[in-house]
Amino acid sequence: MTIIAVTNPDQRLGAHLLAVVRAQDALILAPRRVPRTAVQMRARLVRMADDACPLCGRWSCTGSDCPPSAAVPAVTPLAAPATASGGGQCSYCGQWFPDWNGGVCGVCSSTGRS
């Protein structure tokens, strides 16, 4: 660590912190080092541009067709409780209760939420 002759306490603290950060950064391996400047960030983006798509893993992904429709499983809707069996939903908290006709549940009404 280098010592910089600075008289202002704020500048001394800044110089000390800069020296500590640079010393710690030097200990980190280059591939694991976080880019701190715009030049380093741009260089990292250029290197990543030649990589496969992180979502679908294809090299020819354009982004508009990612992921390919053949790779996406069919979406199944969540099954809502059947109201024909007497189940109902609290109109305040949204909780479903079996064998209930709806309205405001006991918890919501006892805590004054109704």
C-alpha atoms as a PDB file:
ATOM      1  CA  MET A   1       0.000   0.000   0.000  1.00  0.00           C
ATOM      2  CA  THR A   2       1.341   3.413  -0.922  1.00  0.00           C
ATOM      3  CA  ILE A   3       1.192   6.403   1.377  1.00  0.00           C
ATOM      4  CA  ILE A   4       0.133   9.660  -0.234  1.00  0.00           C
ATOM      5  CA  ALA A   5       1.118  12.945   1.401  1.00  0.00           C
ATOM      6  CA  VAL A   6      -2.197  14.753   1.762  1.00  0.00           C
ATOM      7  CA  THR A   7      -2.945  17.322   4.445  1.00  0.00           C
ATOM      8  CA  ASN A   8      -6.744  17.447   4.316  1.00  0.00           C
ATOM      9  CA  PRO A   9      -8.257  14.653   6.487  1.00  0.00           C
ATOM     10  CA  ASP A  10     -11.022  13.978   3.956  1.00  0.00           C
ATOM     11  CA  GLN A  11      -8.515  13.639   1.127  1.00  0.00           C
ATOM     12  CA  ARG A  12      -6.337  11.395   3.294  1.00  0.00           C
ATOM     13  CA  LEU A  13      -9.312   9.116   4.002  1.00  0.00           C
ATOM     14  CA  GLY A  14     -10.214   9.035   0.304  1.00  0.00           C
ATOM     15  CA  ALA A  15      -6.639   8.207  -0.689  1.00  0.00           C
ATOM     16  CA  HIS A  16      -6.458   5.474   1.967  1.00  0.00           C
ATOM     17  CA  LEU A  17      -9.751   3.891   0.865  1.00  0.00           C
ATOM     18  CA  LEU A  18      -8.705   4.016  -2.788  1.00  0.00           C
ATOM     19  CA  ALA A  19      -5.429   2.274  -1.944  1.00  0.00           C
ATOM     20  CA  VAL A  20      -7.261  -0.410   0.077  1.00  0.00           C
ATOM     21  CA  VAL A  21      -9.783  -1.048  -2.707  1.00  0.00           C
ATOM     22  CA  ARG A  22      -7.030  -1.330  -5.325  1.00  0.00           C
ATOM     23  CA  ALA A  23      -5.052  -3.708  -3.111  1.00  0.00           C
ATOM     24  CA  GLN A  24      -8.121  -5.905  -2.523  1.00  0.00           C
ATOM     25  CA  ASP A  25      -9.033  -5.853  -6.236  1.00  0.00           C
ATOM     26  CA  ALA A  26      -5.539  -7.040  -7.107  1.00  0.00           C
ATOM     27  CA  LEU A  27      -6.160 -10.176  -5.014  1.00  0.00           C
ATOM     28  CA  ILE A  28      -9.288 -11.154  -6.989  1.00  0.00           C
ATOM     29  CA  LEU A  29      -8.761 -13.346 -10.039  1.00  0.00           C
ATOM     30  CA  ALA A  30      -9.401 -11.447 -13.293  1.00  0.00           C
ATOM     31  CA  PRO A  31     -12.387 -13.592 -14.479  1.00  0.00           C
ATOM     32  CA  ARG A  32     -14.135 -13.081 -11.148  1.00  0.00           C
ATOM     33  CA  ARG A  33     -13.409  -9.355 -10.843  1.00  0.00           C
ATOM     34  CA  VAL A  34     -16.439  -7.078 -11.215  1.00  0.00           C
ATOM     35  CA  PRO A  35     -16.099  -4.472 -13.982  1.00  0.00           C
ATOM     36  CA  ARG A  36     -16.000  -1.007 -12.414  1.00  0.00           C
ATOM     37  CA  THR A  37     -15.504   1.301 -15.375  1.00  0.00           C
ATOM     38  CA  ALA A  38     -17.586   1.780 -18.507  1.00  0.00           C
ATOM     39  CA  VAL A  39     -14.715   0.457 -20.635  1.00  0.00           C
ATOM     40  CA  GLN A  40     -14.558  -2.745 -18.582  1.00  0.00           C
ATOM     41  CA  MET A  41     -18.350  -3.144 -18.741  1.00  0.00           C
ATOM     42  CA  ARG A  42     -18.430  -2.689 -22.530  1.00  0.00           C
ATOM     43  CA  ALA A  43     -15.630  -5.212 -22.989  1.00  0.00           C
ATOM     44  CA  ARG A  44     -17.524  -7.717 -20.852  1.00  0.00           C
ATOM     45  CA  LEU A  45     -20.711  -7.202 -22.888  1.00  0.00           C
ATOM     46  CA  VAL A  46     -18.807  -7.789 -26.138  1.00  0.00           C
ATOM     47  CA  ARG A  47     -17.420 -11.060 -24.761  1.00  0.00           C
ATOM     48  CA  MET A  48     -20.905 -12.141 -23.650  1.00  0.00           C
ATOM     49  CA  ALA A  49     -22.424 -11.329 -27.066  1.00  0.00           C
ATOM     50  CA  ASP A  50     -20.722 -14.383 -28.539  1.00  0.00           C
ATOM     51  CA  ASP A  51     -22.280 -16.673 -25.942  1.00  0.00           C
ATOM     52  CA  ALA A  52     -25.365 -18.860 -26.138  1.00  0.00           C
ATOM     53  CA  CYS A  53     -28.736 -17.537 -24.982  1.00  0.00           C
ATOM     54  CA  PRO A  54     -29.017 -17.915 -21.181  1.00  0.00           C
ATOM     55  CA  LEU A  55     -32.739 -18.744 -21.418  1.00  0.00           C
ATOM     56  CA  CYS A  56     -32.898 -21.384 -24.131  1.00  0.00           C
ATOM     57  CA  GLY A  57     -29.221 -22.268 -24.666  1.00  0.00           C
ATOM     58  CA  ARG A  58     -29.395 -21.796 -28.441  1.00  0.00           C
ATOM     59  CA  TRP A  59     -26.676 -19.953 -30.380  1.00  0.00           C
ATOM     60  CA  SER A  60     -29.153 -18.790 -33.026  1.00  0.00           C
ATOM     61  CA  CYS A  61     -31.632 -17.205 -30.614  1.00  0.00           C
ATOM     62  CA  THR A  62     -32.886 -13.812 -31.763  1.00  0.00           C
ATOM     63  CA  GLY A  63     -34.722 -13.066 -28.544  1.00  0.00           C
ATOM     64  CA  SER A  64     -38.114 -12.746 -30.248  1.00  0.00           C
ATOM     65  CA  ASP A  65     -38.514 -16.528 -30.480  1.00  0.00           C
ATOM     66  CA  CYS A  66     -36.990 -17.388 -27.110  1.00  0.00           C
ATOM     67  CA  PRO A  67     -37.681 -19.945 -25.811  1.00  0.00           C
ATOM     68  CA  PRO A  68     -38.810 -21.951 -28.830  1.00  0.00           C
ATOM     69  CA  SER A  69     -42.456 -22.995 -28.599  1.00  0.00           C
ATOM     70  CA  ALA A  70     -41.560 -26.698 -28.807  1.00  0.00           C
ATOM     71  CA  ALA A  71     -39.426 -26.393 -25.660  1.00  0.00           C
ATOM     72  CA  VAL A  72     -42.074 -24.632 -23.593  1.00  0.00           C
ATOM     73  CA  PRO A  73     -44.360 -26.947 -21.664  1.00  0.00           C
ATOM     74  CA  ALA A  74     -48.063 -26.326 -21.950  1.00  0.00           C
ATOM     75  CA  VAL A  75     -49.369 -24.035 -19.238  1.00  0.00           C
ATOM     76  CA  THR A  76     -51.999 -25.616 -17.051  1.00  0.00           C
ATOM     77  CA  PRO A  77     -54.341 -23.211 -15.277  1.00  0.00           C
ATOM     78  CA  LEU A  78     -54.544 -23.371 -11.521  1.00  0.00           C
ATOM     79  CA  ALA A  79     -57.556 -25.286 -10.394  1.00  0.00           C
ATOM     80  CA  ALA A  80     -59.919 -23.070  -8.461  1.00  0.00           C
ATOM     81  CA  PRO A  81     -62.079 -24.719  -5.826  1.00  0.00           C
ATOM     82  CA  ALA A  82     -65.398 -25.777  -7.220  1.00  0.00           C
ATOM     83  CA  THR A  83     -68.240 -23.658  -5.918  1.00  0.00           C
ATOM     84  CA  ALA A  84     -70.790 -26.349  -6.755  1.00  0.00           C
ATOM     85  CA  SER A  85     -69.517 -28.334  -3.762  1.00  0.00           C
ATOM     86  CA  GLY A  86     -70.351 -25.490  -1.408  1.00  0.00           C
ATOM     87  CA  GLY A  87     -66.931 -23.831  -1.198  1.00  0.00           C
ATOM     88  CA  GLY A  88     -66.610 -20.089  -1.024  1.00  0.00           C
ATOM     89  CA  GLN A  89     -64.125 -17.237  -0.949  1.00  0.00           C
ATOM     90  CA  CYS A  90     -63.798 -14.452   1.597  1.00  0.00           C
ATOM     91  CA  SER A  91     -64.565 -11.175  -0.130  1.00  0.00           C
ATOM     92  CA  TYR A  92     -61.876  -9.378   1.914  1.00  0.00           C
ATOM     93  CA  CYS A  93     -58.804 -11.641   2.221  1.00  0.00           C
ATOM     94  CA  GLY A  94     -59.521 -13.967  -0.714  1.00  0.00           C
ATOM     95  CA  GLN A  95     -59.067 -17.191   1.285  1.00  0.00           C
ATOM     96  CA  TRP A  96     -61.092 -20.196   0.064  1.00  0.00           C
ATOM     97  CA  PHE A  97     -63.139 -22.229   2.535  1.00  0.00           C
ATOM     98  CA  PRO A  98     -64.864 -25.571   1.866  1.00  0.00           C
ATOM     99  CA  ASP A  99     -68.594 -25.824   2.512  1.00  0.00           C
ATOM    100  CA  TRP A 100     -69.034 -22.058   2.836  1.00  0.00           C
ATOM    101  CA  ASN A 101     -71.208 -19.731   0.839  1.00  0.00           C
ATOM    102  CA  GLY A 102     -68.837 -16.755   0.738  1.00  0.00           C
ATOM    103  CA  GLY A 103     -69.025 -13.272   2.206  1.00  0.00           C
ATOM    104  CA  VAL A 104     -66.500 -12.214   4.875  1.00  0.00           C
ATOM    105  CA  CYS A 105     -64.709 -14.959   6.799  1.00  0.00           C
ATOM    106  CA  GLY A 106     -64.713 -15.160  10.591  1.00  0.00           C
ATOM    107  CA  VAL A 107     -61.109 -13.995  10.951  1.00  0.00           C
ATOM    108  CA  CYS A 108     -61.693 -10.868   8.872  1.00  0.00           C
ATOM    109  CA  SER A 109     -64.945 -10.052  10.644  1.00  0.00           C
ATOM    110  CA  SER A 110     -63.478 -10.621  14.148  1.00  0.00           C
ATOM    111  CA  THR A 111     -60.509  -8.330  13.428  1.00  0.00           C
ATOM    112  CA  GLY A 112     -62.773  -5.583  12.121  1.00  0.00           C
ATOM    113  CA  ARG A 113     -61.745  -5.881   8.469  1.00  0.00           C
ATOM    114  CA  SER A 114     -65.291  -6.258   7.194  1.00  0.00           C
END
